[in-house]
Amino acid sequence: MTLQLELSSETEARVRAEAAASGRAITALVAEAIEEKFGAAAATHPSRMPPEEWAARLDAWAESHRRLGYEADASRESIYAGRGE
């Protein structure tokens, strides 16, 4: 695929500087950045995961947080207790 991009002069300068510093062609650098952005993000996006993997990641995330040591009561009654309702 061939793309034509309009970049700000600041972004163009940064891309040229990075390509020169790394010794790569600008096209290779930009193609790698696009692959990195969409390849990794798409593979780990929840909408692209099997439900079992998504659930396992959610469980791992929840387990990574400290426990309160008690059960929080977030019921309507407890929130408005003592307010005359």
PDB file of N, CA and C in Angstrom:
ATOM      1  N   MET A   1       0.848  -1.171   0.000  1.00  0.00           N
ATOM      2  CA  MET A   1       0.000   0.000   0.000  1.00  0.00           C
ATOM      3  C   MET A   1       0.896   1.237   0.000  1.00  0.00           C
ATOM      4  N   THR A   2       0.499   2.204  -0.739  1.00  0.00           N
ATOM      5  CA  THR A   2       1.212   3.472  -0.775  1.00  0.00           C
ATOM      6  C   THR A   2       0.333   4.530  -0.147  1.00  0.00           C
ATOM      7  N   LEU A   3       0.914   5.316   0.753  1.00  0.00           N
ATOM      8  CA  LEU A   3       0.192   6.393   1.421  1.00  0.00           C
ATOM      9  C   LEU A   3       0.943   7.705   1.231  1.00  0.00           C
ATOM     10  N   GLN A   4       0.194   8.768   1.174  1.00  0.00           N
ATOM     11  CA  GLN A   4       0.791  10.098   1.161  1.00  0.00           C
ATOM     12  C   GLN A   4       0.295  10.797   2.418  1.00  0.00           C
ATOM     13  N   LEU A   5       1.235  11.242   3.264  1.00  0.00           N
ATOM     14  CA  LEU A   5       0.883  11.844   4.535  1.00  0.00           C
ATOM     15  C   LEU A   5       1.253  13.314   4.575  1.00  0.00           C
ATOM     16  N   GLU A   6       0.391  14.093   5.186  1.00  0.00           N
ATOM     17  CA  GLU A   6       0.692  15.498   5.452  1.00  0.00           C
ATOM     18  C   GLU A   6       1.121  15.587   6.908  1.00  0.00           C
ATOM     19  N   LEU A   7       2.362  15.945   7.158  1.00  0.00           N
ATOM     20  CA  LEU A   7       2.884  16.062   8.509  1.00  0.00           C
ATOM     21  C   LEU A   7       3.226  17.512   8.801  1.00  0.00           C
ATOM     22  N   SER A   8       3.111  17.874  10.061  1.00  0.00           N
ATOM     23  CA  SER A   8       3.548  19.214  10.445  1.00  0.00           C
ATOM     24  C   SER A   8       5.061  19.283  10.290  1.00  0.00           C
ATOM     25  N   SER A   9       5.590  20.466  10.193  1.00  0.00           N
ATOM     26  CA  SER A   9       7.032  20.600  10.019  1.00  0.00           C
ATOM     27  C   SER A   9       7.791  20.057  11.225  1.00  0.00           C
ATOM     28  N   GLU A  10       7.193  20.184  12.419  1.00  0.00           N
ATOM     29  CA  GLU A  10       7.834  19.652  13.626  1.00  0.00           C
ATOM     30  C   GLU A  10       7.901  18.129  13.586  1.00  0.00           C
ATOM     31  N   THR A  11       6.793  17.500  13.196  1.00  0.00           N
ATOM     32  CA  THR A  11       6.756  16.038  13.126  1.00  0.00           C
ATOM     33  C   THR A  11       7.706  15.542  12.048  1.00  0.00           C
ATOM     34  N   GLU A  12       7.723  16.224  10.912  1.00  0.00           N
ATOM     35  CA  GLU A  12       8.638  15.831   9.841  1.00  0.00           C
ATOM     36  C   GLU A  12      10.086  15.899  10.316  1.00  0.00           C
ATOM     37  N   ALA A  13      10.430  16.955  11.033  1.00  0.00           N
ATOM     38  CA  ALA A  13      11.796  17.102  11.535  1.00  0.00           C
ATOM     39  C   ALA A  13      12.141  15.976  12.498  1.00  0.00           C
ATOM     40  N   ARG A  14      11.189  15.619  13.365  1.00  0.00           N
ATOM     41  CA  ARG A  14      11.437  14.529  14.315  1.00  0.00           C
ATOM     42  C   ARG A  14      11.610  13.196  13.603  1.00  0.00           C
ATOM     43  N   VAL A  15      10.792  12.942  12.586  1.00  0.00           N
ATOM     44  CA  VAL A  15      10.900  11.691  11.823  1.00  0.00           C
ATOM     45  C   VAL A  15      12.243  11.636  11.096  1.00  0.00           C
ATOM     46  N   ARG A  16      12.616  12.728  10.457  1.00  0.00           N
ATOM     47  CA  ARG A  16      13.902  12.754   9.752  1.00  0.00           C
ATOM     48  C   ARG A  16      15.074  12.560  10.719  1.00  0.00           C
ATOM     49  N   ALA A  17      15.008  13.207  11.863  1.00  0.00           N
ATOM     50  CA  ALA A  17      16.086  13.089  12.840  1.00  0.00           C
ATOM     51  C   ALA A  17      16.193  11.654  13.364  1.00  0.00           C
ATOM     52  N   GLU A  18      15.061  11.042  13.664  1.00  0.00           N
ATOM     53  CA  GLU A  18      15.065   9.660  14.167  1.00  0.00           C
ATOM     54  C   GLU A  18      15.584   8.692  13.111  1.00  0.00           C
ATOM     55  N   ALA A  19      15.169   8.893  11.866  1.00  0.00           N
ATOM     56  CA  ALA A  19      15.652   8.024  10.786  1.00  0.00           C
ATOM     57  C   ALA A  19      17.161   8.167  10.616  1.00  0.00           C
ATOM     58  N   ALA A  20      17.642   9.391  10.649  1.00  0.00           N
ATOM     59  CA  ALA A  20      19.076   9.620  10.503  1.00  0.00           C
ATOM     60  C   ALA A  20      19.853   9.019  11.677  1.00  0.00           C
ATOM     61  N   ALA A  21      19.330   9.195  12.883  1.00  0.00           N
ATOM     62  CA  ALA A  21      20.013   8.691  14.074  1.00  0.00           C
ATOM     63  C   ALA A  21      20.060   7.167  14.100  1.00  0.00           C
ATOM     64  N   SER A  22      19.021   6.531  13.583  1.00  0.00           N
ATOM     65  CA  SER A  22      18.971   5.068  13.611  1.00  0.00           C
ATOM     66  C   SER A  22      19.551   4.439  12.349  1.00  0.00           C
ATOM     67  N   GLY A  23      19.858   5.277  11.347  1.00  0.00           N
ATOM     68  CA  GLY A  23      20.426   4.757  10.104  1.00  0.00           C
ATOM     69  C   GLY A  23      19.421   4.020   9.235  1.00  0.00           C
ATOM     70  N   ARG A  24      18.150   4.322   9.406  1.00  0.00           N
ATOM     71  CA  ARG A  24      17.108   3.675   8.613  1.00  0.00           C
ATOM     72  C   ARG A  24      16.466   4.669   7.664  1.00  0.00           C
ATOM     73  N   ALA A  25      15.835   4.131   6.648  1.00  0.00           N
ATOM     74  CA  ALA A  25      15.099   4.969   5.710  1.00  0.00           C
ATOM     75  C   ALA A  25      13.835   5.483   6.409  1.00  0.00           C
ATOM     76  N   ILE A  26      13.404   6.660   6.023  1.00  0.00           N
ATOM     77  CA  ILE A  26      12.198   7.245   6.609  1.00  0.00           C
ATOM     78  C   ILE A  26      11.002   6.327   6.402  1.00  0.00           C
ATOM     79  N   THR A  27      10.876   5.754   5.212  1.00  0.00           N
ATOM     80  CA  THR A  27       9.732   4.873   4.931  1.00  0.00           C
ATOM     81  C   THR A  27       9.732   3.646   5.840  1.00  0.00           C
ATOM     82  N   ALA A  28      10.908   3.097   6.098  1.00  0.00           N
ATOM     83  CA  ALA A  28      11.000   1.935   6.983  1.00  0.00           C
ATOM     84  C   ALA A  28      10.629   2.315   8.411  1.00  0.00           C
ATOM     85  N   LEU A  29      11.095   3.472   8.842  1.00  0.00           N
ATOM     86  CA  LEU A  29      10.801   3.947  10.195  1.00  0.00           C
ATOM     87  C   LEU A  29       9.297   4.158  10.380  1.00  0.00           C
ATOM     88  N   VAL A  30       8.665   4.811   9.430  1.00  0.00           N
ATOM     89  CA  VAL A  30       7.229   5.088   9.526  1.00  0.00           C
ATOM     90  C   VAL A  30       6.423   3.792   9.434  1.00  0.00           C
ATOM     91  N   ALA A  31       6.817   2.896   8.533  1.00  0.00           N
ATOM     92  CA  ALA A  31       6.112   1.615   8.418  1.00  0.00           C
ATOM     93  C   ALA A  31       6.217   0.830   9.721  1.00  0.00           C
ATOM     94  N   GLU A  32       7.397   0.833  10.332  1.00  0.00           N
ATOM     95  CA  GLU A  32       7.583   0.134  11.609  1.00  0.00           C
ATOM     96  C   GLU A  32       6.708   0.752  12.705  1.00  0.00           C
ATOM     97  N   ALA A  33       6.628   2.074  12.736  1.00  0.00           N
ATOM     98  CA  ALA A  33       5.812   2.746  13.743  1.00  0.00           C
ATOM     99  C   ALA A  33       4.336   2.393  13.577  1.00  0.00           C
ATOM    100  N   ILE A  34       3.875   2.323  12.348  1.00  0.00           N
ATOM    101  CA  ILE A  34       2.472   1.973  12.084  1.00  0.00           C
ATOM    102  C   ILE A  34       2.208   0.529  12.487  1.00  0.00           C
ATOM    103  N   GLU A  35       3.112  -0.382  12.119  1.00  0.00           N
ATOM    104  CA  GLU A  35       2.959  -1.786  12.499  1.00  0.00           C
ATOM    105  C   GLU A  35       2.948  -1.937  14.014  1.00  0.00           C
ATOM    106  N   GLU A  36       3.839  -1.217  14.673  1.00  0.00           N
ATOM    107  CA  GLU A  36       3.922  -1.273  16.131  1.00  0.00           C
ATOM    108  C   GLU A  36       2.623  -0.788  16.761  1.00  0.00           C
ATOM    109  N   LYS A  37       2.105   0.311  16.253  1.00  0.00           N
ATOM    110  CA  LYS A  37       0.880   0.895  16.796  1.00  0.00           C
ATOM    111  C   LYS A  37      -0.316  -0.026  16.607  1.00  0.00           C
ATOM    112  N   PHE A  38      -0.532  -0.495  15.402  1.00  0.00           N
ATOM    113  CA  PHE A  38      -1.731  -1.261  15.108  1.00  0.00           C
ATOM    114  C   PHE A  38      -1.564  -2.754  15.327  1.00  0.00           C
ATOM    115  N   GLY A  39      -0.372  -3.266  15.151  1.00  0.00           N
ATOM    116  CA  GLY A  39      -0.148  -4.695  15.353  1.00  0.00           C
ATOM    117  C   GLY A  39      -0.291  -5.081  16.806  1.00  0.00           C
ATOM    118  N   ALA A  40       0.437  -4.421  17.686  1.00  0.00           N
ATOM    119  CA  ALA A  40       0.403  -4.765  19.110  1.00  0.00           C
ATOM    120  C   ALA A  40      -0.922  -4.376  19.735  1.00  0.00           C
ATOM    121  N   ALA A  41      -1.424  -3.205  19.407  1.00  0.00           N
ATOM    122  CA  ALA A  41      -2.665  -2.740  20.013  1.00  0.00           C
ATOM    123  C   ALA A  41      -3.846  -3.611  19.589  1.00  0.00           C
ATOM    124  N   ALA A  42      -3.886  -3.986  18.327  1.00  0.00           N
ATOM    125  CA  ALA A  42      -5.004  -4.791  17.841  1.00  0.00           C
ATOM    126  C   ALA A  42      -4.993  -6.175  18.459  1.00  0.00           C
ATOM    127  N   ALA A  43      -3.807  -6.744  18.650  1.00  0.00           N
ATOM    128  CA  ALA A  43      -3.723  -8.096  19.194  1.00  0.00           C
ATOM    129  C   ALA A  43      -4.155  -8.150  20.648  1.00  0.00           C
ATOM    130  N   THR A  44      -3.953  -7.069  21.387  1.00  0.00           N
ATOM    131  CA  THR A  44      -4.293  -7.085  22.806  1.00  0.00           C
ATOM    132  C   THR A  44      -5.596  -6.365  23.118  1.00  0.00           C
ATOM    133  N   HIS A  45      -6.256  -5.839  22.117  1.00  0.00           N
ATOM    134  CA  HIS A  45      -7.525  -5.150  22.350  1.00  0.00           C
ATOM    135  C   HIS A  45      -8.584  -6.179  22.745  1.00  0.00           C
ATOM    136  N   PRO A  46      -9.374  -5.895  23.797  1.00  0.00           N
ATOM    137  CA  PRO A  46     -10.366  -6.873  24.263  1.00  0.00           C
ATOM    138  C   PRO A  46     -11.324  -7.363  23.185  1.00  0.00           C
ATOM    139  N   SER A  47     -11.656  -6.524  22.218  1.00  0.00           N
ATOM    140  CA  SER A  47     -12.600  -6.957  21.188  1.00  0.00           C
ATOM    141  C   SER A  47     -12.008  -8.019  20.268  1.00  0.00           C
ATOM    142  N   ARG A  48     -10.685  -8.175  20.286  1.00  0.00           N
ATOM    143  CA  ARG A  48     -10.038  -9.162  19.426  1.00  0.00           C
ATOM    144  C   ARG A  48      -9.614 -10.418  20.193  1.00  0.00           C
ATOM    145  N   MET A  49      -9.829 -10.447  21.494  1.00  0.00           N
ATOM    146  CA  MET A  49      -9.422 -11.585  22.309  1.00  0.00           C
ATOM    147  C   MET A  49     -10.549 -12.595  22.428  1.00  0.00           C
ATOM    148  N   PRO A  50     -10.176 -13.856  22.578  1.00  0.00           N
ATOM    149  CA  PRO A  50     -11.215 -14.840  22.924  1.00  0.00           C
ATOM    150  C   PRO A  50     -11.777 -14.491  24.302  1.00  0.00           C
ATOM    151  N   PRO A  51     -13.047 -14.745  24.550  1.00  0.00           N
ATOM    152  CA  PRO A  51     -13.653 -14.384  25.835  1.00  0.00           C
ATOM    153  C   PRO A  51     -12.911 -14.957  27.037  1.00  0.00           C
ATOM    154  N   GLU A  52     -12.374 -16.162  26.908  1.00  0.00           N
ATOM    155  CA  GLU A  52     -11.659 -16.786  28.031  1.00  0.00           C
ATOM    156  C   GLU A  52     -10.401 -16.000  28.380  1.00  0.00           C
ATOM    157  N   GLU A  53      -9.673 -15.545  27.358  1.00  0.00           N
ATOM    158  CA  GLU A  53      -8.459 -14.771  27.610  1.00  0.00           C
ATOM    159  C   GLU A  53      -8.800 -13.421  28.230  1.00  0.00           C
ATOM    160  N   TRP A  54      -9.856 -12.779  27.721  1.00  0.00           N
ATOM    161  CA  TRP A  54     -10.279 -11.492  28.268  1.00  0.00           C
ATOM    162  C   TRP A  54     -10.643 -11.645  29.743  1.00  0.00           C
ATOM    163  N   ALA A  55     -11.396 -12.688  30.070  1.00  0.00           N
ATOM    164  CA  ALA A  55     -11.799 -12.923  31.458  1.00  0.00           C
ATOM    165  C   ALA A  55     -10.583 -13.202  32.335  1.00  0.00           C
ATOM    166  N   ALA A  56      -9.614 -13.965  31.815  1.00  0.00           N
ATOM    167  CA  ALA A  56      -8.405 -14.265  32.588  1.00  0.00           C
ATOM    168  C   ALA A  56      -7.605 -12.991  32.860  1.00  0.00           C
ATOM    169  N   ARG A  57      -7.505 -12.114  31.870  1.00  0.00           N
ATOM    170  CA  ARG A  57      -6.787 -10.846  32.067  1.00  0.00           C
ATOM    171  C   ARG A  57      -7.514  -9.937  33.060  1.00  0.00           C
ATOM    172  N   LEU A  58      -8.827  -9.917  32.982  1.00  0.00           N
ATOM    173  CA  LEU A  58      -9.608  -9.115  33.927  1.00  0.00           C
ATOM    174  C   LEU A  58      -9.427  -9.646  35.347  1.00  0.00           C
ATOM    175  N   ASP A  59      -9.479 -10.965  35.503  1.00  0.00           N
ATOM    176  CA  ASP A  59      -9.273 -11.560  36.824  1.00  0.00           C
ATOM    177  C   ASP A  59      -7.879 -11.244  37.355  1.00  0.00           C
ATOM    178  N   ALA A  60      -6.858 -11.326  36.492  1.00  0.00           N
ATOM    179  CA  ALA A  60      -5.485 -11.024  36.910  1.00  0.00           C
ATOM    180  C   ALA A  60      -5.369  -9.559  37.334  1.00  0.00           C
ATOM    181  N   TRP A  61      -6.024  -8.671  36.593  1.00  0.00           N
ATOM    182  CA  TRP A  61      -6.005  -7.252  36.951  1.00  0.00           C
ATOM    183  C   TRP A  61      -6.661  -7.036  38.312  1.00  0.00           C
ATOM    184  N   ALA A  62      -7.808  -7.665  38.525  1.00  0.00           N
ATOM    185  CA  ALA A  62      -8.514  -7.508  39.798  1.00  0.00           C
ATOM    186  C   ALA A  62      -7.677  -8.059  40.950  1.00  0.00           C
ATOM    187  N   GLU A  63      -7.019  -9.174  40.744  1.00  0.00           N
ATOM    188  CA  GLU A  63      -6.194  -9.771  41.793  1.00  0.00           C
ATOM    189  C   GLU A  63      -4.953  -8.937  42.098  1.00  0.00           C
ATOM    190  N   SER A  64      -4.552  -8.071  41.160  1.00  0.00           N
ATOM    191  CA  SER A  64      -3.353  -7.261  41.376  1.00  0.00           C
ATOM    192  C   SER A  64      -3.607  -6.096  42.340  1.00  0.00           C
ATOM    193  N   HIS A  65      -4.843  -5.868  42.710  1.00  0.00           N
ATOM    194  CA  HIS A  65      -5.190  -4.786  43.631  1.00  0.00           C
ATOM    195  C   HIS A  65      -5.346  -5.335  45.046  1.00  0.00           C
ATOM    196  N   ARG A  66      -4.974  -4.533  46.015  1.00  0.00           N
ATOM    197  CA  ARG A  66      -5.050  -4.995  47.402  1.00  0.00           C
ATOM    198  C   ARG A  66      -6.506  -5.140  47.818  1.00  0.00           C
ATOM    199  N   ARG A  67      -6.722  -6.076  48.701  1.00  0.00           N
ATOM    200  CA  ARG A  67      -8.069  -6.304  49.218  1.00  0.00           C
ATOM    201  C   ARG A  67      -8.328  -5.361  50.384  1.00  0.00           C
ATOM    202  N   LEU A  68      -9.591  -5.028  50.606  1.00  0.00           N
ATOM    203  CA  LEU A  68      -9.960  -4.118  51.687  1.00  0.00           C
ATOM    204  C   LEU A  68      -9.875  -4.780  53.054  1.00  0.00           C
ATOM    205  N   GLY A  69     -10.059  -6.077  53.122  1.00  0.00           N
ATOM    206  CA  GLY A  69     -10.074  -6.752  54.402  1.00  0.00           C
ATOM    207  C   GLY A  69     -11.469  -6.794  55.008  1.00  0.00           C
ATOM    208  N   TYR A  70     -12.400  -6.163  54.355  1.00  0.00           N
ATOM    209  CA  TYR A  70     -13.795  -6.177  54.772  1.00  0.00           C
ATOM    210  C   TYR A  70     -14.642  -5.995  53.517  1.00  0.00           C
ATOM    211  N   GLU A  71     -15.904  -6.322  53.626  1.00  0.00           N
ATOM    212  CA  GLU A  71     -16.781  -6.170  52.474  1.00  0.00           C
ATOM    213  C   GLU A  71     -17.406  -4.787  52.491  1.00  0.00           C
ATOM    214  N   ALA A  72     -17.263  -4.065  51.426  1.00  0.00           N
ATOM    215  CA  ALA A  72     -17.825  -2.719  51.340  1.00  0.00           C
ATOM    216  C   ALA A  72     -19.327  -2.814  51.068  1.00  0.00           C
ATOM    217  N   ASP A  73     -20.086  -2.011  51.770  1.00  0.00           N
ATOM    218  CA  ASP A  73     -21.528  -1.971  51.571  1.00  0.00           C
ATOM    219  C   ASP A  73     -21.855  -0.733  50.746  1.00  0.00           C
ATOM    220  N   ALA A  74     -22.105  -0.939  49.473  1.00  0.00           N
ATOM    221  CA  ALA A  74     -22.403   0.176  48.584  1.00  0.00           C
ATOM    222  C   ALA A  74     -23.885   0.192  48.219  1.00  0.00           C
ATOM    223  N   SER A  75     -24.710  -0.350  49.107  1.00  0.00           N
ATOM    224  CA  SER A  75     -26.138  -0.379  48.824  1.00  0.00           C
ATOM    225  C   SER A  75     -26.724   1.036  48.954  1.00  0.00           C
ATOM    226  N   ARG A  76     -27.842   1.241  48.335  1.00  0.00           N
ATOM    227  CA  ARG A  76     -28.528   2.533  48.407  1.00  0.00           C
ATOM    228  C   ARG A  76     -28.836   2.898  49.854  1.00  0.00           C
ATOM    229  N   GLU A  77     -29.251   1.886  50.613  1.00  0.00           N
ATOM    230  CA  GLU A  77     -29.615   2.139  51.999  1.00  0.00           C
ATOM    231  C   GLU A  77     -28.398   2.654  52.799  1.00  0.00           C
ATOM    232  N   SER A  78     -27.228   2.053  52.574  1.00  0.00           N
ATOM    233  CA  SER A  78     -26.050   2.463  53.339  1.00  0.00           C
ATOM    234  C   SER A  78     -25.546   3.853  52.899  1.00  0.00           C
ATOM    235  N   ILE A  79     -25.720   4.158  51.651  1.00  0.00           N
ATOM    236  CA  ILE A  79     -25.254   5.457  51.143  1.00  0.00           C
ATOM    237  C   ILE A  79     -26.086   6.601  51.716  1.00  0.00           C
ATOM    238  N   TYR A  80     -27.390   6.377  51.805  1.00  0.00           N
ATOM    239  CA  TYR A  80     -28.283   7.458  52.264  1.00  0.00           C
ATOM    240  C   TYR A  80     -28.703   7.304  53.727  1.00  0.00           C
ATOM    241  N   ALA A  81     -28.058   6.428  54.462  1.00  0.00           N
ATOM    242  CA  ALA A  81     -28.405   6.218  55.874  1.00  0.00           C
ATOM    243  C   ALA A  81     -28.201   7.506  56.664  1.00  0.00           C
ATOM    244  N   GLY A  82     -29.174   7.839  57.507  1.00  0.00           N
ATOM    245  CA  GLY A  82     -29.076   9.011  58.351  1.00  0.00           C
ATOM    246  C   GLY A  82     -29.458  10.302  57.671  1.00  0.00           C
ATOM    247  N   ARG A  83     -29.981  10.243  56.480  1.00  0.00           N
ATOM    248  CA  ARG A  83     -30.364  11.463  55.759  1.00  0.00           C
ATOM    249  C   ARG A  83     -31.876  11.657  55.743  1.00  0.00           C
ATOM    250  N   GLY A  84     -32.575  10.871  56.532  1.00  0.00           N
ATOM    251  CA  GLY A  84     -34.020  11.045  56.633  1.00  0.00           C
ATOM    252  C   GLY A  84     -34.795  10.456  55.483  1.00  0.00           C
ATOM    253  N   GLU A  85     -34.218   9.554  54.760  1.00  0.00           N
ATOM    254  CA  GLU A  85     -34.957   8.953  53.638  1.00  0.00           C
ATOM    255  C   GLU A  85     -35.435   7.576  53.985  1.00  0.00           C
TER     256      GLU A  85
END
